[in-house]
PDB file of N, CA and C in Angstrom:
ATOM      1  N   MET A   1      33.235 -36.134   7.968  1.00  0.00           N
ATOM      2  CA  MET A   1      33.292 -34.804   8.505  1.00  0.00           C
ATOM      3  C   MET A   1      33.820 -33.826   7.468  1.00  0.00           C
ATOM      4  N   PHE A   2      34.804 -34.213   6.746  1.00  0.00           N
ATOM      5  CA  PHE A   2      35.369 -33.361   5.722  1.00  0.00           C
ATOM      6  C   PHE A   2      34.347 -33.061   4.642  1.00  0.00           C
ATOM      7  N   PHE A   3      33.580 -34.045   4.249  1.00  0.00           N
ATOM      8  CA  PHE A   3      32.552 -33.885   3.215  1.00  0.00           C
ATOM      9  C   PHE A   3      31.484 -32.891   3.683  1.00  0.00           C
ATOM     10  N   TYR A   4      31.136 -32.973   4.942  1.00  0.00           N
ATOM     11  CA  TYR A   4      30.109 -32.080   5.488  1.00  0.00           C
ATOM     12  C   TYR A   4      30.559 -30.625   5.432  1.00  0.00           C
ATOM     13  N   THR A   5      31.776 -30.328   5.830  1.00  0.00           N
ATOM     14  CA  THR A   5      32.246 -28.945   5.797  1.00  0.00           C
ATOM     15  C   THR A   5      32.395 -28.448   4.365  1.00  0.00           C
ATOM     16  N   LYS A   6      32.747 -29.318   3.452  1.00  0.00           N
ATOM     17  CA  LYS A   6      32.868 -28.937   2.059  1.00  0.00           C
ATOM     18  C   LYS A   6      31.505 -28.537   1.500  1.00  0.00           C
ATOM     19  N   SER A   7      30.481 -29.300   1.817  1.00  0.00           N
ATOM     20  CA  SER A   7      29.145 -28.979   1.319  1.00  0.00           C
ATOM     21  C   SER A   7      28.598 -27.717   1.998  1.00  0.00           C
ATOM     22  N   LEU A   8      29.012 -27.477   3.228  1.00  0.00           N
ATOM     23  CA  LEU A   8      28.578 -26.264   3.920  1.00  0.00           C
ATOM     24  C   LEU A   8      29.126 -25.025   3.224  1.00  0.00           C
ATOM     25  N   PHE A   9      30.385 -25.066   2.828  1.00  0.00           N
ATOM     26  CA  PHE A   9      30.964 -23.919   2.144  1.00  0.00           C
ATOM     27  C   PHE A   9      30.398 -23.744   0.743  1.00  0.00           C
ATOM     28  N   ARG A  10      29.975 -24.813   0.120  1.00  0.00           N
ATOM     29  CA  ARG A  10      29.354 -24.708  -1.186  1.00  0.00           C
ATOM     30  C   ARG A  10      27.981 -24.046  -1.080  1.00  0.00           C
ATOM     31  N   ARG A  11      27.262 -24.294  -0.010  1.00  0.00           N
ATOM     32  CA  ARG A  11      25.915 -23.743   0.160  1.00  0.00           C
ATOM     33  C   ARG A  11      25.948 -22.282   0.630  1.00  0.00           C
ATOM     34  N   ARG A  12      27.005 -21.861   1.227  1.00  0.00           N
ATOM     35  CA  ARG A  12      27.069 -20.513   1.786  1.00  0.00           C
ATOM     36  C   ARG A  12      26.877 -19.419   0.722  1.00  0.00           C
ATOM     37  N   PRO A  13      27.513 -19.480  -0.455  1.00  0.00           N
ATOM     38  CA  PRO A  13      27.251 -18.448  -1.465  1.00  0.00           C
ATOM     39  C   PRO A  13      25.784 -18.452  -1.921  1.00  0.00           C
ATOM     40  N   ALA A  14      25.180 -19.605  -1.974  1.00  0.00           N
ATOM     41  CA  ALA A  14      23.774 -19.679  -2.353  1.00  0.00           C
ATOM     42  C   ALA A  14      22.912 -19.039  -1.266  1.00  0.00           C
ATOM     43  N   MET A  15      23.256 -19.283  -0.018  1.00  0.00           N
ATOM     44  CA  MET A  15      22.516 -18.684   1.085  1.00  0.00           C
ATOM     45  C   MET A  15      22.695 -17.170   1.077  1.00  0.00           C
ATOM     46  N   ALA A  16      23.905 -16.704   0.794  1.00  0.00           N
ATOM     47  CA  ALA A  16      24.161 -15.266   0.728  1.00  0.00           C
ATOM     48  C   ALA A  16      23.343 -14.632  -0.392  1.00  0.00           C
ATOM     49  N   LYS A  17      23.214 -15.309  -1.499  1.00  0.00           N
ATOM     50  CA  LYS A  17      22.429 -14.798  -2.625  1.00  0.00           C
ATOM     51  C   LYS A  17      20.948 -14.738  -2.253  1.00  0.00           C
ATOM     52  N   ILE A  18      20.465 -15.745  -1.559  1.00  0.00           N
ATOM     53  CA  ILE A  18      19.064 -15.762  -1.125  1.00  0.00           C
ATOM     54  C   ILE A  18      18.802 -14.609  -0.155  1.00  0.00           C
ATOM     55  N   LEU A  19      19.724 -14.410   0.794  1.00  0.00           N
ATOM     56  CA  LEU A  19      19.558 -13.304   1.737  1.00  0.00           C
ATOM     57  C   LEU A  19      19.593 -11.950   1.036  1.00  0.00           C
ATOM     58  N   LEU A  20      20.445 -11.810   0.036  1.00  0.00           N
ATOM     59  CA  LEU A  20      20.514 -10.573  -0.728  1.00  0.00           C
ATOM     60  C   LEU A  20      19.200 -10.311  -1.472  1.00  0.00           C
ATOM     61  N   VAL A  21      18.637 -11.344  -2.069  1.00  0.00           N
ATOM     62  CA  VAL A  21      17.360 -11.214  -2.768  1.00  0.00           C
ATOM     63  C   VAL A  21      16.251 -10.863  -1.779  1.00  0.00           C
ATOM     64  N   MET A  22      16.264 -11.476  -0.601  1.00  0.00           N
ATOM     65  CA  MET A  22      15.247 -11.178   0.407  1.00  0.00           C
ATOM     66  C   MET A  22      15.348  -9.724   0.866  1.00  0.00           C
ATOM     67  N   ARG A  23      16.561  -9.232   1.049  1.00  0.00           N
ATOM     68  CA  ARG A  23      16.728  -7.824   1.439  1.00  0.00           C
ATOM     69  C   ARG A  23      16.211  -6.886   0.350  1.00  0.00           C
ATOM     70  N   LEU A  24      16.502  -7.214  -0.884  1.00  0.00           N
ATOM     71  CA  LEU A  24      16.033  -6.403  -1.996  1.00  0.00           C
ATOM     72  C   LEU A  24      14.504  -6.390  -2.060  1.00  0.00           C
ATOM     73  N   ILE A  25      13.888  -7.526  -1.843  1.00  0.00           N
ATOM     74  CA  ILE A  25      12.430  -7.613  -1.836  1.00  0.00           C
ATOM     75  C   ILE A  25      11.845  -6.776  -0.702  1.00  0.00           C
ATOM     76  N   ILE A  26      12.466  -6.835   0.466  1.00  0.00           N
ATOM     77  CA  ILE A  26      11.982  -6.046   1.610  1.00  0.00           C
ATOM     78  C   ILE A  26      12.068  -4.554   1.300  1.00  0.00           C
ATOM     79  N   VAL A  27      13.153  -4.110   0.702  1.00  0.00           N
ATOM     80  CA  VAL A  27      13.305  -2.694   0.352  1.00  0.00           C
ATOM     81  C   VAL A  27      12.252  -2.285  -0.667  1.00  0.00           C
ATOM     82  N   LEU A  28      12.044  -3.099  -1.684  1.00  0.00           N
ATOM     83  CA  LEU A  28      11.051  -2.776  -2.711  1.00  0.00           C
ATOM     84  C   LEU A  28       9.639  -2.754  -2.144  1.00  0.00           C
ATOM     85  N   LEU A  29       9.298  -3.721  -1.309  1.00  0.00           N
ATOM     86  CA  LEU A  29       7.964  -3.744  -0.700  1.00  0.00           C
ATOM     87  C   LEU A  29       7.745  -2.549   0.222  1.00  0.00           C
ATOM     88  N   THR A  30       8.758  -2.206   1.008  1.00  0.00           N
ATOM     89  CA  THR A  30       8.635  -1.046   1.899  1.00  0.00           C
ATOM     90  C   THR A  30       8.428   0.229   1.092  1.00  0.00           C
ATOM     91  N   THR A  31       9.164   0.392   0.024  1.00  0.00           N
ATOM     92  CA  THR A  31       9.009   1.567  -0.834  1.00  0.00           C
ATOM     93  C   THR A  31       7.618   1.616  -1.448  1.00  0.00           C
ATOM     94  N   ALA A  32       7.124   0.494  -1.927  1.00  0.00           N
ATOM     95  CA  ALA A  32       5.795   0.456  -2.529  1.00  0.00           C
ATOM     96  C   ALA A  32       4.707   0.758  -1.506  1.00  0.00           C
ATOM     97  N   ILE A  33       4.833   0.216  -0.315  1.00  0.00           N
ATOM     98  CA  ILE A  33       3.830   0.451   0.732  1.00  0.00           C
ATOM     99  C   ILE A  33       3.823   1.921   1.143  1.00  0.00           C
ATOM    100  N   LEU A  34       4.987   2.530   1.271  1.00  0.00           N
ATOM    101  CA  LEU A  34       5.050   3.947   1.627  1.00  0.00           C
ATOM    102  C   LEU A  34       4.458   4.818   0.532  1.00  0.00           C
ATOM    103  N   GLN A  35       4.663   4.443  -0.720  1.00  0.00           N
ATOM    104  CA  GLN A  35       4.099   5.207  -1.828  1.00  0.00           C
ATOM    105  C   GLN A  35       2.576   5.125  -1.814  1.00  0.00           C
ATOM    106  N   VAL A  36       2.027   3.944  -1.588  1.00  0.00           N
ATOM    107  CA  VAL A  36       0.583   3.770  -1.517  1.00  0.00           C
ATOM    108  C   VAL A  36       0.018   4.520  -0.322  1.00  0.00           C
ATOM    109  N   SER A  37       0.738   4.491   0.782  1.00  0.00           N
ATOM    110  CA  SER A  37       0.299   5.205   1.972  1.00  0.00           C
ATOM    111  C   SER A  37       0.259   6.708   1.717  1.00  0.00           C
ATOM    112  N   ALA A  38       1.257   7.252   1.052  1.00  0.00           N
ATOM    113  CA  ALA A  38       1.280   8.687   0.763  1.00  0.00           C
ATOM    114  C   ALA A  38       0.155   9.055  -0.183  1.00  0.00           C
ATOM    115  N   ALA A  39      -0.144   8.201  -1.136  1.00  0.00           N
ATOM    116  CA  ALA A  39      -1.245   8.486  -2.054  1.00  0.00           C
ATOM    117  C   ALA A  39      -2.581   8.406  -1.335  1.00  0.00           C
ATOM    118  N   GLY A  40      -2.679   7.572  -0.308  1.00  0.00           N
ATOM    119  CA  GLY A  40      -3.918   7.458   0.441  1.00  0.00           C
ATOM    120  C   GLY A  40      -4.233   8.684   1.269  1.00  0.00           C
ATOM    121  N   TYR A  41      -3.190   9.418   1.696  1.00  0.00           N
ATOM    122  CA  TYR A  41      -3.418  10.621   2.480  1.00  0.00           C
ATOM    123  C   TYR A  41      -3.902  11.792   1.641  1.00  0.00           C
ATOM    124  N   ALA A  42      -3.671  11.762   0.354  1.00  0.00           N
ATOM    125  CA  ALA A  42      -4.114  12.843  -0.520  1.00  0.00           C
ATOM    126  C   ALA A  42      -5.599  12.649  -0.820  1.00  0.00           C
ATOM    127  N   GLN A  43      -6.443  13.054   0.098  1.00  0.00           N
ATOM    128  CA  GLN A  43      -7.883  12.863  -0.026  1.00  0.00           C
ATOM    129  C   GLN A  43      -8.466  13.848  -1.022  1.00  0.00           C
ATOM    130  N   LYS A  44      -9.347  13.363  -1.881  1.00  0.00           N
ATOM    131  CA  LYS A  44     -10.050  14.198  -2.847  1.00  0.00           C
ATOM    132  C   LYS A  44     -11.497  14.331  -2.410  1.00  0.00           C
ATOM    133  N   VAL A  45     -12.049  15.518  -2.625  1.00  0.00           N
ATOM    134  CA  VAL A  45     -13.414  15.808  -2.206  1.00  0.00           C
ATOM    135  C   VAL A  45     -14.182  16.368  -3.389  1.00  0.00           C
ATOM    136  N   THR A  46     -15.393  15.872  -3.583  1.00  0.00           N
ATOM    137  CA  THR A  46     -16.294  16.417  -4.587  1.00  0.00           C
ATOM    138  C   THR A  46     -17.552  16.872  -3.872  1.00  0.00           C
ATOM    139  N   LEU A  47     -17.820  18.170  -3.938  1.00  0.00           N
ATOM    140  CA  LEU A  47     -18.960  18.759  -3.237  1.00  0.00           C
ATOM    141  C   LEU A  47     -19.671  19.757  -4.135  1.00  0.00           C
ATOM    142  N   ILE A  48     -20.974  19.660  -4.168  1.00  0.00           N
ATOM    143  CA  ILE A  48     -21.795  20.691  -4.809  1.00  0.00           C
ATOM    144  C   ILE A  48     -22.877  21.039  -3.807  1.00  0.00           C
ATOM    145  N   GLN A  49     -22.716  22.174  -3.165  1.00  0.00           N
ATOM    146  CA  GLN A  49     -23.664  22.635  -2.139  1.00  0.00           C
ATOM    147  C   GLN A  49     -23.992  24.091  -2.423  1.00  0.00           C
ATOM    148  N   ASN A  50     -25.259  24.434  -2.368  1.00  0.00           N
ATOM    149  CA  ASN A  50     -25.693  25.815  -2.544  1.00  0.00           C
ATOM    150  C   ASN A  50     -26.401  26.282  -1.288  1.00  0.00           C
ATOM    151  N   ASN A  51     -25.847  27.322  -0.669  1.00  0.00           N
ATOM    152  CA  ASN A  51     -26.430  27.927   0.522  1.00  0.00           C
ATOM    153  C   ASN A  51     -26.706  26.881   1.613  1.00  0.00           C
ATOM    154  N   ALA A  52     -25.713  26.047   1.853  1.00  0.00           N
ATOM    155  CA  ALA A  52     -25.866  24.953   2.821  1.00  0.00           C
ATOM    156  C   ALA A  52     -25.270  25.342   4.163  1.00  0.00           C
ATOM    157  N   ARG A  53     -25.773  24.716   5.209  1.00  0.00           N
ATOM    158  CA  ARG A  53     -25.208  24.928   6.543  1.00  0.00           C
ATOM    159  C   ARG A  53     -23.824  24.296   6.591  1.00  0.00           C
ATOM    160  N   LEU A  54     -22.980  24.882   7.398  1.00  0.00           N
ATOM    161  CA  LEU A  54     -21.605  24.391   7.509  1.00  0.00           C
ATOM    162  C   LEU A  54     -21.561  22.979   8.080  1.00  0.00           C
ATOM    163  N   THR A  55     -22.488  22.658   8.964  1.00  0.00           N
ATOM    164  CA  THR A  55     -22.526  21.297   9.529  1.00  0.00           C
ATOM    165  C   THR A  55     -22.837  20.277   8.439  1.00  0.00           C
ATOM    166  N   THR A  56     -23.699  20.639   7.496  1.00  0.00           N
ATOM    167  CA  THR A  56     -24.029  19.741   6.383  1.00  0.00           C
ATOM    168  C   THR A  56     -22.802  19.508   5.511  1.00  0.00           C
ATOM    169  N   VAL A  57     -22.058  20.560   5.245  1.00  0.00           N
ATOM    170  CA  VAL A  57     -20.856  20.449   4.418  1.00  0.00           C
ATOM    171  C   VAL A  57     -19.812  19.581   5.116  1.00  0.00           C
ATOM    172  N   LEU A  58     -19.601  19.808   6.409  1.00  0.00           N
ATOM    173  CA  LEU A  58     -18.613  19.008   7.145  1.00  0.00           C
ATOM    174  C   LEU A  58     -19.027  17.547   7.244  1.00  0.00           C
ATOM    175  N   ASP A  59     -20.327  17.285   7.355  1.00  0.00           N
ATOM    176  CA  ASP A  59     -20.801  15.893   7.361  1.00  0.00           C
ATOM    177  C   ASP A  59     -20.523  15.211   6.030  1.00  0.00           C
ATOM    178  N   GLU A  60     -20.718  15.932   4.947  1.00  0.00           N
ATOM    179  CA  GLU A  60     -20.439  15.362   3.626  1.00  0.00           C
ATOM    180  C   GLU A  60     -18.950  15.109   3.444  1.00  0.00           C
ATOM    181  N   ILE A  61     -18.125  16.019   3.918  1.00  0.00           N
ATOM    182  CA  ILE A  61     -16.672  15.805   3.852  1.00  0.00           C
ATOM    183  C   ILE A  61     -16.287  14.599   4.697  1.00  0.00           C
ATOM    184  N   ARG A  62     -16.910  14.439   5.858  1.00  0.00           N
ATOM    185  CA  ARG A  62     -16.631  13.286   6.713  1.00  0.00           C
ATOM    186  C   ARG A  62     -16.998  11.989   6.004  1.00  0.00           C
ATOM    187  N   LYS A  63     -18.121  11.969   5.293  1.00  0.00           N
ATOM    188  CA  LYS A  63     -18.537  10.758   4.572  1.00  0.00           C
ATOM    189  C   LYS A  63     -17.540  10.390   3.479  1.00  0.00           C
ATOM    190  N   GLN A  64     -17.002  11.396   2.805  1.00  0.00           N
ATOM    191  CA  GLN A  64     -16.104  11.119   1.683  1.00  0.00           C
ATOM    192  C   GLN A  64     -14.680  10.789   2.113  1.00  0.00           C
ATOM    193  N   THR A  65     -14.240  11.383   3.213  1.00  0.00           N
ATOM    194  CA  THR A  65     -12.834  11.215   3.594  1.00  0.00           C
ATOM    195  C   THR A  65     -12.618  10.353   4.828  1.00  0.00           C
ATOM    196  N   GLY A  66     -13.612  10.284   5.705  1.00  0.00           N
ATOM    197  CA  GLY A  66     -13.437   9.528   6.938  1.00  0.00           C
ATOM    198  C   GLY A  66     -12.881  10.371   8.073  1.00  0.00           C
ATOM    199  N   TYR A  67     -12.574  11.631   7.819  1.00  0.00           N
ATOM    200  CA  TYR A  67     -12.100  12.522   8.882  1.00  0.00           C
ATOM    201  C   TYR A  67     -13.287  13.001   9.701  1.00  0.00           C
ATOM    202  N   ASP A  68     -13.114  13.032  11.019  1.00  0.00           N
ATOM    203  CA  ASP A  68     -14.144  13.544  11.919  1.00  0.00           C
ATOM    204  C   ASP A  68     -13.793  14.966  12.326  1.00  0.00           C
ATOM    205  N   PHE A  69     -14.823  15.771  12.533  1.00  0.00           N
ATOM    206  CA  PHE A  69     -14.642  17.162  12.927  1.00  0.00           C
ATOM    207  C   PHE A  69     -15.293  17.383  14.281  1.00  0.00           C
ATOM    208  N   VAL A  70     -14.637  18.160  15.111  1.00  0.00           N
ATOM    209  CA  VAL A  70     -15.172  18.496  16.428  1.00  0.00           C
ATOM    210  C   VAL A  70     -15.476  19.992  16.417  1.00  0.00           C
ATOM    211  N   TYR A  71     -16.708  20.317  16.735  1.00  0.00           N
ATOM    212  CA  TYR A  71     -17.111  21.721  16.747  1.00  0.00           C
ATOM    213  C   TYR A  71     -18.214  21.924  17.760  1.00  0.00           C
ATOM    214  N   SER A  72     -18.435  23.193  18.114  1.00  0.00           N
ATOM    215  CA  SER A  72     -19.480  23.516  19.075  1.00  0.00           C
ATOM    216  C   SER A  72     -20.740  23.931  18.318  1.00  0.00           C
ATOM    217  N   ASP A  73     -21.883  23.540  18.840  1.00  0.00           N
ATOM    218  CA  ASP A  73     -23.149  23.892  18.196  1.00  0.00           C
ATOM    219  C   ASP A  73     -23.356  25.402  18.175  1.00  0.00           C
ATOM    220  N   LYS A  74     -22.886  26.070  19.194  1.00  0.00           N
ATOM    221  CA  LYS A  74     -23.032  27.516  19.278  1.00  0.00           C
ATOM    222  C   LYS A  74     -22.305  28.196  18.115  1.00  0.00           C
ATOM    223  N   VAL A  75     -21.104  27.734  17.837  1.00  0.00           N
ATOM    224  CA  VAL A  75     -20.322  28.312  16.742  1.00  0.00           C
ATOM    225  C   VAL A  75     -20.950  27.964  15.397  1.00  0.00           C
ATOM    226  N   MET A  76     -21.409  26.744  15.238  1.00  0.00           N
ATOM    227  CA  MET A  76     -21.996  26.336  13.965  1.00  0.00           C
ATOM    228  C   MET A  76     -23.324  27.027  13.691  1.00  0.00           C
ATOM    229  N   ASN A  77     -24.088  27.307  14.729  1.00  0.00           N
ATOM    230  CA  ASN A  77     -25.353  28.016  14.518  1.00  0.00           C
ATOM    231  C   ASN A  77     -25.114  29.457  14.082  1.00  0.00           C
ATOM    232  N   ALA A  78     -23.981  30.024  14.499  1.00  0.00           N
ATOM    233  CA  ALA A  78     -23.656  31.395  14.127  1.00  0.00           C
ATOM    234  C   ALA A  78     -22.931  31.473  12.780  1.00  0.00           C
ATOM    235  N   ALA A  79     -22.545  30.337  12.220  1.00  0.00           N
ATOM    236  CA  ALA A  79     -21.765  30.325  10.981  1.00  0.00           C
ATOM    237  C   ALA A  79     -22.623  30.719   9.783  1.00  0.00           C
ATOM    238  N   LYS A  80     -21.966  31.341   8.809  1.00  0.00           N
ATOM    239  CA  LYS A  80     -22.643  31.701   7.566  1.00  0.00           C
ATOM    240  C   LYS A  80     -22.888  30.445   6.747  1.00  0.00           C
ATOM    241  N   ARG A  81     -23.855  30.532   5.865  1.00  0.00           N
ATOM    242  CA  ARG A  81     -24.105  29.413   4.956  1.00  0.00           C
ATOM    243  C   ARG A  81     -23.035  29.412   3.869  1.00  0.00           C
ATOM    244  N   VAL A  82     -22.796  28.237   3.319  1.00  0.00           N
ATOM    245  CA  VAL A  82     -21.683  28.052   2.395  1.00  0.00           C
ATOM    246  C   VAL A  82     -22.200  27.547   1.059  1.00  0.00           C
ATOM    247  N   SER A  83     -21.657  28.071  -0.017  1.00  0.00           N
ATOM    248  CA  SER A  83     -21.931  27.574  -1.364  1.00  0.00           C
ATOM    249  C   SER A  83     -20.622  27.079  -1.954  1.00  0.00           C
ATOM    250  N   LEU A  84     -20.611  25.825  -2.370  1.00  0.00           N
ATOM    251  CA  LEU A  84     -19.397  25.194  -2.900  1.00  0.00           C
ATOM    252  C   LEU A  84     -19.696  24.471  -4.193  1.00  0.00           C
ATOM    253  N   ASN A  85     -18.727  24.455  -5.071  1.00  0.00           N
ATOM    254  CA  ASN A  85     -18.788  23.632  -6.273  1.00  0.00           C
ATOM    255  C   ASN A  85     -17.374  23.100  -6.506  1.00  0.00           C
ATOM    256  N   LEU A  86     -17.072  21.981  -5.878  1.00  0.00           N
ATOM    257  CA  LEU A  86     -15.733  21.401  -5.920  1.00  0.00           C
ATOM    258  C   LEU A  86     -15.774  20.040  -6.589  1.00  0.00           C
ATOM    259  N   LYS A  87     -14.804  19.792  -7.450  1.00  0.00           N
ATOM    260  CA  LYS A  87     -14.704  18.483  -8.092  1.00  0.00           C
ATOM    261  C   LYS A  87     -13.267  17.996  -7.946  1.00  0.00           C
ATOM    262  N   ASN A  88     -13.101  16.898  -7.252  1.00  0.00           N
ATOM    263  CA  ASN A  88     -11.785  16.288  -7.005  1.00  0.00           C
ATOM    264  C   ASN A  88     -10.789  17.295  -6.424  1.00  0.00           C
ATOM    265  N   ALA A  89     -11.239  18.087  -5.478  1.00  0.00           N
ATOM    266  CA  ALA A  89     -10.364  19.057  -4.812  1.00  0.00           C
ATOM    267  C   ALA A  89      -9.681  18.385  -3.631  1.00  0.00           C
ATOM    268  N   GLU A  90      -8.495  18.871  -3.312  1.00  0.00           N
ATOM    269  CA  GLU A  90      -7.795  18.379  -2.135  1.00  0.00           C
ATOM    270  C   GLU A  90      -8.587  18.747  -0.887  1.00  0.00           C
ATOM    271  N   LEU A  91      -8.492  17.934   0.141  1.00  0.00           N
ATOM    272  CA  LEU A  91      -9.210  18.181   1.386  1.00  0.00           C
ATOM    273  C   LEU A  91      -8.824  19.530   1.988  1.00  0.00           C
ATOM    274  N   ASN A  92      -7.553  19.847   1.973  1.00  0.00           N
ATOM    275  CA  ASN A  92      -7.090  21.114   2.527  1.00  0.00           C
ATOM    276  C   ASN A  92      -7.709  22.299   1.783  1.00  0.00           C
ATOM    277  N   ASP A  93      -7.770  22.210   0.458  1.00  0.00           N
ATOM    278  CA  ASP A  93      -8.365  23.289  -0.338  1.00  0.00           C
ATOM    279  C   ASP A  93      -9.854  23.425  -0.046  1.00  0.00           C
ATOM    280  N   ALA A  94     -10.543  22.311   0.091  1.00  0.00           N
ATOM    281  CA  ALA A  94     -11.981  22.352   0.382  1.00  0.00           C
ATOM    282  C   ALA A  94     -12.243  23.009   1.732  1.00  0.00           C
ATOM    283  N   LEU A  95     -11.437  22.683   2.726  1.00  0.00           N
ATOM    284  CA  LEU A  95     -11.619  23.291   4.042  1.00  0.00           C
ATOM    285  C   LEU A  95     -11.275  24.777   4.030  1.00  0.00           C
ATOM    286  N   GLU A  96     -10.264  25.152   3.265  1.00  0.00           N
ATOM    287  CA  GLU A  96      -9.939  26.575   3.151  1.00  0.00           C
ATOM    288  C   GLU A  96     -11.079  27.356   2.520  1.00  0.00           C
ATOM    289  N   ILE A  97     -11.732  26.789   1.526  1.00  0.00           N
ATOM    290  CA  ILE A  97     -12.869  27.454   0.895  1.00  0.00           C
ATOM    291  C   ILE A  97     -14.034  27.544   1.876  1.00  0.00           C
ATOM    292  N   CYS A  98     -14.263  26.508   2.644  1.00  0.00           N
ATOM    293  CA  CYS A  98     -15.355  26.528   3.629  1.00  0.00           C
ATOM    294  C   CYS A  98     -15.158  27.620   4.666  1.00  0.00           C
ATOM    295  N   PHE A  99     -13.920  27.803   5.098  1.00  0.00           N
ATOM    296  CA  PHE A  99     -13.638  28.724   6.197  1.00  0.00           C
ATOM    297  C   PHE A  99     -12.971  30.016   5.733  1.00  0.00           C
ATOM    298  N   LYS A 100     -13.107  30.392   4.466  1.00  0.00           N
ATOM    299  CA  LYS A 100     -12.388  31.558   3.956  1.00  0.00           C
ATOM    300  C   LYS A 100     -12.845  32.868   4.601  1.00  0.00           C
ATOM    301  N   ASP A 101     -14.090  32.981   5.010  1.00  0.00           N
ATOM    302  CA  ASP A 101     -14.581  34.225   5.620  1.00  0.00           C
ATOM    303  C   ASP A 101     -14.493  34.220   7.142  1.00  0.00           C
ATOM    304  N   TRP A 102     -13.933  33.189   7.719  1.00  0.00           N
ATOM    305  CA  TRP A 102     -13.843  33.084   9.169  1.00  0.00           C
ATOM    306  C   TRP A 102     -12.597  33.770   9.669  1.00  0.00           C
ATOM    307  N   ARG A 103     -12.710  34.306  10.850  1.00  0.00           N
ATOM    308  CA  ARG A 103     -11.550  34.870  11.539  1.00  0.00           C
ATOM    309  C   ARG A 103     -11.411  34.106  12.850  1.00  0.00           C
ATOM    310  N   PHE A 104     -10.362  33.339  12.959  1.00  0.00           N
ATOM    311  CA  PHE A 104     -10.125  32.549  14.150  1.00  0.00           C
ATOM    312  C   PHE A 104      -9.230  33.311  15.115  1.00  0.00           C
ATOM    313  N   GLN A 105      -9.519  33.151  16.372  1.00  0.00           N
ATOM    314  CA  GLN A 105      -8.678  33.761  17.385  1.00  0.00           C
ATOM    315  C   GLN A 105      -7.563  32.791  17.752  1.00  0.00           C
ATOM    316  N   ARG A 106      -6.385  33.322  17.916  1.00  0.00           N
ATOM    317  CA  ARG A 106      -5.241  32.459  18.270  1.00  0.00           C
ATOM    318  C   ARG A 106      -4.927  32.596  19.714  1.00  0.00           C
TER     319      ARG A 106
END
């Protein structure tokens, strides 16, 4: 019995070291995953459209980014045509350029 408790206390610092390493690994992995996730949200868009319908432009943005857009056909039929020349632009910037002449009601 005495030998067993002696070996238990000898293993405890090793177990504490293993747990410390595991915690460090978890922190590092969580940080790396969050960094990759944040980089994934920064969607880049490349578009070259001349005098295109807005629905065509939004479909192309959907293909490149995976974001879906909900709109009414009535509004899209009344929309002006859009000319864009974007290379690796942020999604937000591309949408601002698409809708720069629009006036939305709040």
